[in-house]
């Protein structure tokens, strides 16, 4: 009787671990980092902002916050009418959950409105000491001013209004007035002692599911113990 080869096969077993864990993410959108913000105004379009050294934690359209400083790229004193805005753009994954913007210390010289994707979420009016009240405000694309009631909402926690899977825009709209009245028109620098800047502390947090992990629990192995071959499930005899 001819001898037959015995073949042992160890199957490949794949296991997919469930996507049960989540990963947390935090984005800094504060003005302490000039790199977070792009400025438009006075001829500039989306130009990197300045952090004036004498105004810690703020951003400005000029290097020192007043008319004697260097303007951001594309801007000039001749084109400055007191109006500018700064954008912080960020993307949130489409599967993110628990998206939250927490901001505080919103202030400006002379007035500012904070917007998330075009919706007002905070404001500050220097001429009333941050108390708020009726006044005027210039919004993009700039003057003339419109009536606006300031709420002095300098801090808040925002949990809605985000665009999942797309680009979000956190915007600071700043007006210079050079005066103490909330109804003073937006205008250029009135003296070398007239400043324009904005400040904000803020973070955006969210969670996303952790990707499933493909685990290889075994690999295929064949141990041949005789000279017989196996082909398509049949035993082949040697001639």
C-alpha atoms as a PDB file:
ATOM      1  CA  UNK A   1       0.000   0.000   0.000  1.00  0.00           C
ATOM      2  CA  UNK A   2       1.521   3.372  -1.039  1.00  0.00           C
ATOM      3  CA  UNK A   3       2.449   5.818   1.582  1.00  0.00           C
ATOM      4  CA  UNK A   4       0.512   9.052   1.836  1.00  0.00           C
ATOM      5  CA  UNK A   5       1.661  12.459   2.960  1.00  0.00           C
ATOM      6  CA  UNK A   6      -0.152  14.017   5.876  1.00  0.00           C
ATOM      7  CA  UNK A   7      -0.639  17.784   5.727  1.00  0.00           C
ATOM      8  CA  UNK A   8      -1.599  19.988   8.661  1.00  0.00           C
ATOM      9  CA  UNK A   9      -3.022  23.451   7.923  1.00  0.00           C
ATOM     10  CA  UNK A  10      -3.289  26.181  10.533  1.00  0.00           C
ATOM     11  CA  UNK A  11      -6.054  28.570   9.436  1.00  0.00           C
ATOM     12  CA  UNK A  12      -5.703  32.344   9.382  1.00  0.00           C
ATOM     13  CA  UNK A  13      -7.907  33.901  12.044  1.00  0.00           C
ATOM     14  CA  UNK A  14      -8.606  37.649  11.935  1.00  0.00           C
ATOM     15  CA  UNK A  15     -10.268  39.535  14.727  1.00  0.00           C
ATOM     16  CA  UNK A  16     -11.625  43.075  14.460  1.00  0.00           C
ATOM     17  CA  UNK A  17     -11.576  44.863  17.791  1.00  0.00           C
ATOM     18  CA  UNK A  18     -14.709  46.981  18.312  1.00  0.00           C
ATOM     19  CA  UNK A  19     -14.366  50.771  17.965  1.00  0.00           C
ATOM     20  CA  UNK A  20     -15.424  51.437  21.510  1.00  0.00           C
ATOM     21  CA  UNK A  21     -12.760  53.922  22.624  1.00  0.00           C
ATOM     22  CA  UNK A  22     -12.708  57.644  21.833  1.00  0.00           C
ATOM     23  CA  UNK A  23      -9.903  60.103  21.252  1.00  0.00           C
ATOM     24  CA  UNK A  24     -10.096  63.647  22.649  1.00  0.00           C
ATOM     25  CA  UNK A  25      -8.791  66.677  20.755  1.00  0.00           C
ATOM     26  CA  UNK A  26      -8.143  70.253  21.867  1.00  0.00           C
ATOM     27  CA  UNK A  27      -7.551  73.265  19.613  1.00  0.00           C
ATOM     28  CA  UNK A  28      -6.103  76.547  20.877  1.00  0.00           C
ATOM     29  CA  UNK A  29      -7.868  79.548  19.314  1.00  0.00           C
ATOM     30  CA  UNK A  30      -6.544  82.242  21.645  1.00  0.00           C
ATOM     31  CA  UNK A  31      -4.803  85.424  20.557  1.00  0.00           C
ATOM     32  CA  UNK A  32      -1.661  84.638  22.556  1.00  0.00           C
ATOM     33  CA  UNK A  33      -0.458  82.919  19.376  1.00  0.00           C
ATOM     34  CA  UNK A  34      -0.437  85.288  16.409  1.00  0.00           C
ATOM     35  CA  UNK A  35      -0.261  82.253  14.139  1.00  0.00           C
ATOM     36  CA  UNK A  36      -3.874  81.414  14.976  1.00  0.00           C
ATOM     37  CA  UNK A  37      -5.224  84.545  13.253  1.00  0.00           C
ATOM     38  CA  UNK A  38      -5.316  86.092   9.796  1.00  0.00           C
ATOM     39  CA  UNK A  39      -6.136  89.808   9.452  1.00  0.00           C
ATOM     40  CA  UNK A  40      -8.167  91.571   6.786  1.00  0.00           C
ATOM     41  CA  UNK A  41      -8.393  95.355   6.641  1.00  0.00           C
ATOM     42  CA  UNK A  42      -6.558  98.518   5.530  1.00  0.00           C
ATOM     43  CA  UNK A  43      -5.695  96.784   2.254  1.00  0.00           C
ATOM     44  CA  UNK A  44      -4.598  93.463   3.773  1.00  0.00           C
ATOM     45  CA  UNK A  45      -6.388  90.201   3.007  1.00  0.00           C
ATOM     46  CA  UNK A  46      -5.851  87.230   5.338  1.00  0.00           C
ATOM     47  CA  UNK A  47      -2.420  88.467   6.444  1.00  0.00           C
ATOM     48  CA  UNK A  48      -0.649  86.939   9.487  1.00  0.00           C
ATOM     49  CA  UNK A  49      -1.371  89.037  12.569  1.00  0.00           C
ATOM     50  CA  UNK A  50       1.035  90.702  14.991  1.00  0.00           C
ATOM     51  CA  UNK A  51       1.447  90.088  18.720  1.00  0.00           C
ATOM     52  CA  UNK A  52       2.491  93.576  19.984  1.00  0.00           C
ATOM     53  CA  UNK A  53       5.234  93.123  22.576  1.00  0.00           C
ATOM     54  CA  UNK A  54       3.828  95.850  24.825  1.00  0.00           C
ATOM     55  CA  UNK A  55       0.333  94.305  24.713  1.00  0.00           C
ATOM     56  CA  UNK A  56       0.813  90.689  25.872  1.00  0.00           C
ATOM     57  CA  UNK A  57      -1.742  88.165  24.667  1.00  0.00           C
ATOM     58  CA  UNK A  58      -3.246  90.457  22.032  1.00  0.00           C
ATOM     59  CA  UNK A  59      -3.247  90.648  18.249  1.00  0.00           C
ATOM     60  CA  UNK A  60      -3.175  93.819  16.162  1.00  0.00           C
ATOM     61  CA  UNK A  61      -3.027  95.069  12.613  1.00  0.00           C
ATOM     62  CA  UNK A  62       0.264  96.824  13.455  1.00  0.00           C
ATOM     63  CA  UNK A  63       3.435  95.632  15.137  1.00  0.00           C
ATOM     64  CA  UNK A  64       2.944  97.837  18.226  1.00  0.00           C
ATOM     65  CA  UNK A  65      -0.830  98.341  18.145  1.00  0.00           C
ATOM     66  CA  UNK A  66      -0.770 101.999  17.062  1.00  0.00           C
ATOM     67  CA  UNK A  67      -0.069 104.164  14.029  1.00  0.00           C
ATOM     68  CA  UNK A  68       3.714 104.231  14.503  1.00  0.00           C
ATOM     69  CA  UNK A  69       4.068 100.470  14.043  1.00  0.00           C
ATOM     70  CA  UNK A  70       4.508  98.377  10.916  1.00  0.00           C
ATOM     71  CA  UNK A  71       1.245  97.262   9.345  1.00  0.00           C
ATOM     72  CA  UNK A  72       0.577  93.627   8.432  1.00  0.00           C
ATOM     73  CA  UNK A  73       1.397  92.579   4.881  1.00  0.00           C
ATOM     74  CA  UNK A  74      -0.720  94.427   2.330  1.00  0.00           C
ATOM     75  CA  UNK A  75      -2.045  97.037   4.797  1.00  0.00           C
ATOM     76  CA  UNK A  76      -1.062 100.676   5.235  1.00  0.00           C
ATOM     77  CA  UNK A  77      -1.862 103.691   7.390  1.00  0.00           C
ATOM     78  CA  UNK A  78      -3.204 105.502   4.341  1.00  0.00           C
ATOM     79  CA  UNK A  79      -5.792 102.735   3.814  1.00  0.00           C
ATOM     80  CA  UNK A  80      -6.716 102.295   7.478  1.00  0.00           C
ATOM     81  CA  UNK A  81     -10.238 103.538   8.274  1.00  0.00           C
ATOM     82  CA  UNK A  82     -10.409 102.036  11.748  1.00  0.00           C
ATOM     83  CA  UNK A  83     -11.972  98.751  10.619  1.00  0.00           C
ATOM     84  CA  UNK A  84     -10.343  95.307  10.550  1.00  0.00           C
ATOM     85  CA  UNK A  85     -11.149  91.725  11.391  1.00  0.00           C
ATOM     86  CA  UNK A  86      -9.218  88.573  12.219  1.00  0.00           C
ATOM     87  CA  UNK A  87     -10.136  84.981  11.347  1.00  0.00           C
ATOM     88  CA  UNK A  88      -9.123  81.759  13.041  1.00  0.00           C
ATOM     89  CA  UNK A  89     -10.016  78.855  10.734  1.00  0.00           C
ATOM     90  CA  UNK A  90     -10.284  75.276  11.944  1.00  0.00           C
ATOM     91  CA  UNK A  91     -11.694  71.945  10.741  1.00  0.00           C
ATOM     92  CA  UNK A  92     -13.743  69.505  12.800  1.00  0.00           C
ATOM     93  CA  UNK A  93     -14.051  65.841  11.706  1.00  0.00           C
ATOM     94  CA  UNK A  94     -17.462  64.770  10.441  1.00  0.00           C
ATOM     95  CA  UNK A  95     -17.710  62.088  13.158  1.00  0.00           C
ATOM     96  CA  UNK A  96     -16.794  64.415  16.046  1.00  0.00           C
ATOM     97  CA  UNK A  97     -19.011  64.509  19.129  1.00  0.00           C
ATOM     98  CA  UNK A  98     -19.235  66.852  22.103  1.00  0.00           C
ATOM     99  CA  UNK A  99     -17.815  69.819  20.176  1.00  0.00           C
ATOM    100  CA  UNK A 100     -17.390  72.773  22.558  1.00  0.00           C
ATOM    101  CA  UNK A 101     -15.883  76.244  22.313  1.00  0.00           C
ATOM    102  CA  UNK A 102     -14.907  77.736  25.655  1.00  0.00           C
ATOM    103  CA  UNK A 103     -13.763  81.355  25.523  1.00  0.00           C
ATOM    104  CA  UNK A 104     -12.961  84.117  28.012  1.00  0.00           C
ATOM    105  CA  UNK A 105     -11.088  87.440  28.366  1.00  0.00           C
ATOM    106  CA  UNK A 106     -12.653  88.897  25.227  1.00  0.00           C
ATOM    107  CA  UNK A 107     -11.679  92.572  25.008  1.00  0.00           C
ATOM    108  CA  UNK A 108     -10.502  95.183  22.530  1.00  0.00           C
ATOM    109  CA  UNK A 109      -9.538  98.753  21.920  1.00  0.00           C
ATOM    110  CA  UNK A 110     -12.035 100.145  21.090  1.00  0.00           C
ATOM    111  CA  UNK A 111     -14.801  97.595  20.421  1.00  0.00           C
ATOM    112  CA  UNK A 112     -15.078  94.003  19.218  1.00  0.00           C
ATOM    113  CA  UNK A 113     -17.675  91.406  18.260  1.00  0.00           C
ATOM    114  CA  UNK A 114     -16.807  87.702  18.312  1.00  0.00           C
ATOM    115  CA  UNK A 115     -18.531  85.514  15.711  1.00  0.00           C
ATOM    116  CA  UNK A 116     -18.683  81.782  15.047  1.00  0.00           C
ATOM    117  CA  UNK A 117     -19.537  81.009  11.426  1.00  0.00           C
ATOM    118  CA  UNK A 118     -21.260  84.377  11.090  1.00  0.00           C
ATOM    119  CA  UNK A 119     -23.241  84.266  14.350  1.00  0.00           C
ATOM    120  CA  UNK A 120     -22.459  86.734  17.157  1.00  0.00           C
ATOM    121  CA  UNK A 121     -21.398  84.913  20.322  1.00  0.00           C
ATOM    122  CA  UNK A 122     -19.623  87.649  22.311  1.00  0.00           C
ATOM    123  CA  UNK A 123     -18.737  91.350  22.367  1.00  0.00           C
ATOM    124  CA  UNK A 124     -16.903  94.044  24.309  1.00  0.00           C
ATOM    125  CA  UNK A 125     -17.114  97.837  24.338  1.00  0.00           C
ATOM    126  CA  UNK A 126     -14.086  99.616  25.841  1.00  0.00           C
ATOM    127  CA  UNK A 127     -15.776 103.007  26.202  1.00  0.00           C
ATOM    128  CA  UNK A 128     -18.232 101.621  28.784  1.00  0.00           C
ATOM    129  CA  UNK A 129     -15.616  99.651  30.671  1.00  0.00           C
ATOM    130  CA  UNK A 130     -17.051  96.388  29.447  1.00  0.00           C
ATOM    131  CA  UNK A 131     -20.535  97.138  30.807  1.00  0.00           C
ATOM    132  CA  UNK A 132     -22.204  97.070  27.400  1.00  0.00           C
ATOM    133  CA  UNK A 133     -25.198  99.007  26.151  1.00  0.00           C
ATOM    134  CA  UNK A 134     -26.364 100.676  22.916  1.00  0.00           C
ATOM    135  CA  UNK A 135     -23.812 101.948  20.426  1.00  0.00           C
ATOM    136  CA  UNK A 136     -22.683 101.465  16.846  1.00  0.00           C
ATOM    137  CA  UNK A 137     -20.530  98.847  15.147  1.00  0.00           C
ATOM    138  CA  UNK A 138     -18.988  98.347  11.730  1.00  0.00           C
ATOM    139  CA  UNK A 139     -19.126  94.846  10.237  1.00  0.00           C
ATOM    140  CA  UNK A 140     -17.573  93.429   7.046  1.00  0.00           C
ATOM    141  CA  UNK A 141     -16.957  94.853   4.533  1.00  0.00           C
ATOM    142  CA  UNK A 142     -16.534  97.938   6.761  1.00  0.00           C
ATOM    143  CA  UNK A 143     -18.100 101.374   7.403  1.00  0.00           C
ATOM    144  CA  UNK A 144     -20.663 102.813   7.570  1.00  0.00           C
ATOM    145  CA  UNK A 145     -21.578 101.782  11.116  1.00  0.00           C
ATOM    146  CA  UNK A 146     -24.899 100.266  12.126  1.00  0.00           C
ATOM    147  CA  UNK A 147     -26.737 100.381  15.438  1.00  0.00           C
ATOM    148  CA  UNK A 148     -25.619  97.630  17.779  1.00  0.00           C
ATOM    149  CA  UNK A 149     -26.389  96.770  21.400  1.00  0.00           C
ATOM    150  CA  UNK A 150     -23.385  95.443  23.281  1.00  0.00           C
ATOM    151  CA  UNK A 151     -24.028  92.697  25.839  1.00  0.00           C
ATOM    152  CA  UNK A 152     -20.533  92.488  27.382  1.00  0.00           C
ATOM    153  CA  UNK A 153     -20.524  88.748  26.696  1.00  0.00           C
ATOM    154  CA  UNK A 154     -16.793  88.375  27.310  1.00  0.00           C
ATOM    155  CA  UNK A 155     -16.871  84.669  28.197  1.00  0.00           C
ATOM    156  CA  UNK A 156     -19.106  81.718  27.344  1.00  0.00           C
ATOM    157  CA  UNK A 157     -19.288  78.020  26.534  1.00  0.00           C
ATOM    158  CA  UNK A 158     -20.654  77.341  23.051  1.00  0.00           C
ATOM    159  CA  UNK A 159     -21.920  73.875  22.055  1.00  0.00           C
ATOM    160  CA  UNK A 160     -23.704  74.529  18.751  1.00  0.00           C
ATOM    161  CA  UNK A 161     -23.189  76.301  15.438  1.00  0.00           C
ATOM    162  CA  UNK A 162     -20.211  74.194  14.312  1.00  0.00           C
ATOM    163  CA  UNK A 163     -19.729  72.730  10.828  1.00  0.00           C
ATOM    164  CA  UNK A 164     -18.786  69.068  11.122  1.00  0.00           C
ATOM    165  CA  UNK A 165     -16.559  67.832   8.326  1.00  0.00           C
ATOM    166  CA  UNK A 166     -15.892  71.372   7.099  1.00  0.00           C
ATOM    167  CA  UNK A 167     -13.953  74.568   7.760  1.00  0.00           C
ATOM    168  CA  UNK A 168     -15.175  76.715  10.660  1.00  0.00           C
ATOM    169  CA  UNK A 169     -14.497  80.435  11.082  1.00  0.00           C
ATOM    170  CA  UNK A 170     -14.008  82.109  14.445  1.00  0.00           C
ATOM    171  CA  UNK A 171     -13.910  85.854  13.732  1.00  0.00           C
ATOM    172  CA  UNK A 172     -12.970  88.937  15.740  1.00  0.00           C
ATOM    173  CA  UNK A 173     -14.422  92.131  14.226  1.00  0.00           C
ATOM    174  CA  UNK A 174     -12.585  95.187  15.592  1.00  0.00           C
ATOM    175  CA  UNK A 175     -13.399  98.904  15.327  1.00  0.00           C
ATOM    176  CA  UNK A 176     -11.108 101.779  16.244  1.00  0.00           C
ATOM    177  CA  UNK A 177     -12.783 105.017  17.365  1.00  0.00           C
ATOM    178  CA  UNK A 178     -10.206 106.968  19.376  1.00  0.00           C
ATOM    179  CA  UNK A 179     -12.957 108.223  21.666  1.00  0.00           C
ATOM    180  CA  UNK A 180     -14.891 107.225  24.765  1.00  0.00           C
ATOM    181  CA  UNK A 181     -18.399 107.368  23.300  1.00  0.00           C
ATOM    182  CA  UNK A 182     -20.078 104.078  22.247  1.00  0.00           C
ATOM    183  CA  UNK A 183     -21.625 105.952  19.311  1.00  0.00           C
ATOM    184  CA  UNK A 184     -18.382 107.387  17.932  1.00  0.00           C
ATOM    185  CA  UNK A 185     -17.966 106.367  14.269  1.00  0.00           C
ATOM    186  CA  UNK A 186     -15.336 103.863  13.268  1.00  0.00           C
ATOM    187  CA  UNK A 187     -12.318 105.877  12.118  1.00  0.00           C
ATOM    188  CA  UNK A 188      -8.558 105.883  11.666  1.00  0.00           C
ATOM    189  CA  UNK A 189      -5.978 106.566  14.397  1.00  0.00           C
ATOM    190  CA  UNK A 190      -6.543 109.916  16.092  1.00  0.00           C
ATOM    191  CA  UNK A 191      -3.048 110.184  17.606  1.00  0.00           C
ATOM    192  CA  UNK A 192       0.046 108.114  18.366  1.00  0.00           C
ATOM    193  CA  UNK A 193      -1.592 107.291  21.680  1.00  0.00           C
ATOM    194  CA  UNK A 194      -4.591 105.726  19.930  1.00  0.00           C
ATOM    195  CA  UNK A 195      -4.398 101.907  19.896  1.00  0.00           C
ATOM    196  CA  UNK A 196      -6.256  99.103  18.155  1.00  0.00           C
ATOM    197  CA  UNK A 197      -6.024  95.464  19.285  1.00  0.00           C
ATOM    198  CA  UNK A 198      -8.072  92.479  20.436  1.00  0.00           C
ATOM    199  CA  UNK A 199      -7.627  89.751  23.005  1.00  0.00           C
ATOM    200  CA  UNK A 200      -9.225  86.340  23.462  1.00  0.00           C
ATOM    201  CA  UNK A 201      -8.539  83.155  25.384  1.00  0.00           C
ATOM    202  CA  UNK A 202     -10.237  80.132  23.870  1.00  0.00           C
ATOM    203  CA  UNK A 203     -10.136  76.390  23.232  1.00  0.00           C
ATOM    204  CA  UNK A 204     -12.206  74.028  21.132  1.00  0.00           C
ATOM    205  CA  UNK A 205     -12.598  70.451  22.310  1.00  0.00           C
ATOM    206  CA  UNK A 206     -14.251  67.392  20.796  1.00  0.00           C
ATOM    207  CA  UNK A 207     -14.051  63.603  20.708  1.00  0.00           C
ATOM    208  CA  UNK A 208     -13.850  61.131  17.823  1.00  0.00           C
ATOM    209  CA  UNK A 209     -14.128  57.314  17.834  1.00  0.00           C
ATOM    210  CA  UNK A 210     -10.830  55.482  17.899  1.00  0.00           C
ATOM    211  CA  UNK A 211     -10.282  53.462  14.675  1.00  0.00           C
ATOM    212  CA  UNK A 212     -10.932  49.704  14.954  1.00  0.00           C
ATOM    213  CA  UNK A 213      -7.774  47.624  15.273  1.00  0.00           C
ATOM    214  CA  UNK A 214      -7.153  44.708  12.930  1.00  0.00           C
ATOM    215  CA  UNK A 215      -5.525  41.939  14.959  1.00  0.00           C
ATOM    216  CA  UNK A 216      -3.771  39.003  13.333  1.00  0.00           C
ATOM    217  CA  UNK A 217      -4.176  36.114  15.764  1.00  0.00           C
ATOM    218  CA  UNK A 218      -2.612  33.380  13.601  1.00  0.00           C
ATOM    219  CA  UNK A 219      -0.784  32.921  10.285  1.00  0.00           C
ATOM    220  CA  UNK A 220      -1.123  30.157   7.753  1.00  0.00           C
ATOM    221  CA  UNK A 221       1.454  27.394   8.132  1.00  0.00           C
ATOM    222  CA  UNK A 222       1.772  24.054   6.389  1.00  0.00           C
ATOM    223  CA  UNK A 223       3.796  21.187   7.835  1.00  0.00           C
ATOM    224  CA  UNK A 224       4.607  18.515   5.332  1.00  0.00           C
ATOM    225  CA  UNK A 225       5.303  15.157   6.949  1.00  0.00           C
ATOM    226  CA  UNK A 226       5.589  12.887   3.871  1.00  0.00           C
ATOM    227  CA  UNK A 227       6.459  12.959   0.195  1.00  0.00           C
ATOM    228  CA  UNK A 228       2.828  12.933  -0.910  1.00  0.00           C
ATOM    229  CA  UNK A 229       1.291  16.144  -2.286  1.00  0.00           C
ATOM    230  CA  UNK A 230      -2.145  17.500  -1.723  1.00  0.00           C
ATOM    231  CA  UNK A 231      -3.849  19.214  -4.653  1.00  0.00           C
ATOM    232  CA  UNK A 232      -7.341  20.712  -4.456  1.00  0.00           C
ATOM    233  CA  UNK A 233      -8.246  18.580  -1.520  1.00  0.00           C
ATOM    234  CA  UNK A 234      -7.236  15.228  -3.169  1.00  0.00           C
ATOM    235  CA  UNK A 235      -4.286  12.980  -2.272  1.00  0.00           C
ATOM    236  CA  UNK A 236      -1.893  12.580  -5.196  1.00  0.00           C
ATOM    237  CA  UNK A 237       0.211   9.399  -5.342  1.00  0.00           C
ATOM    238  CA  UNK A 238       3.800   9.334  -6.591  1.00  0.00           C
ATOM    239  CA  UNK A 239       4.443   7.289  -9.759  1.00  0.00           C
END
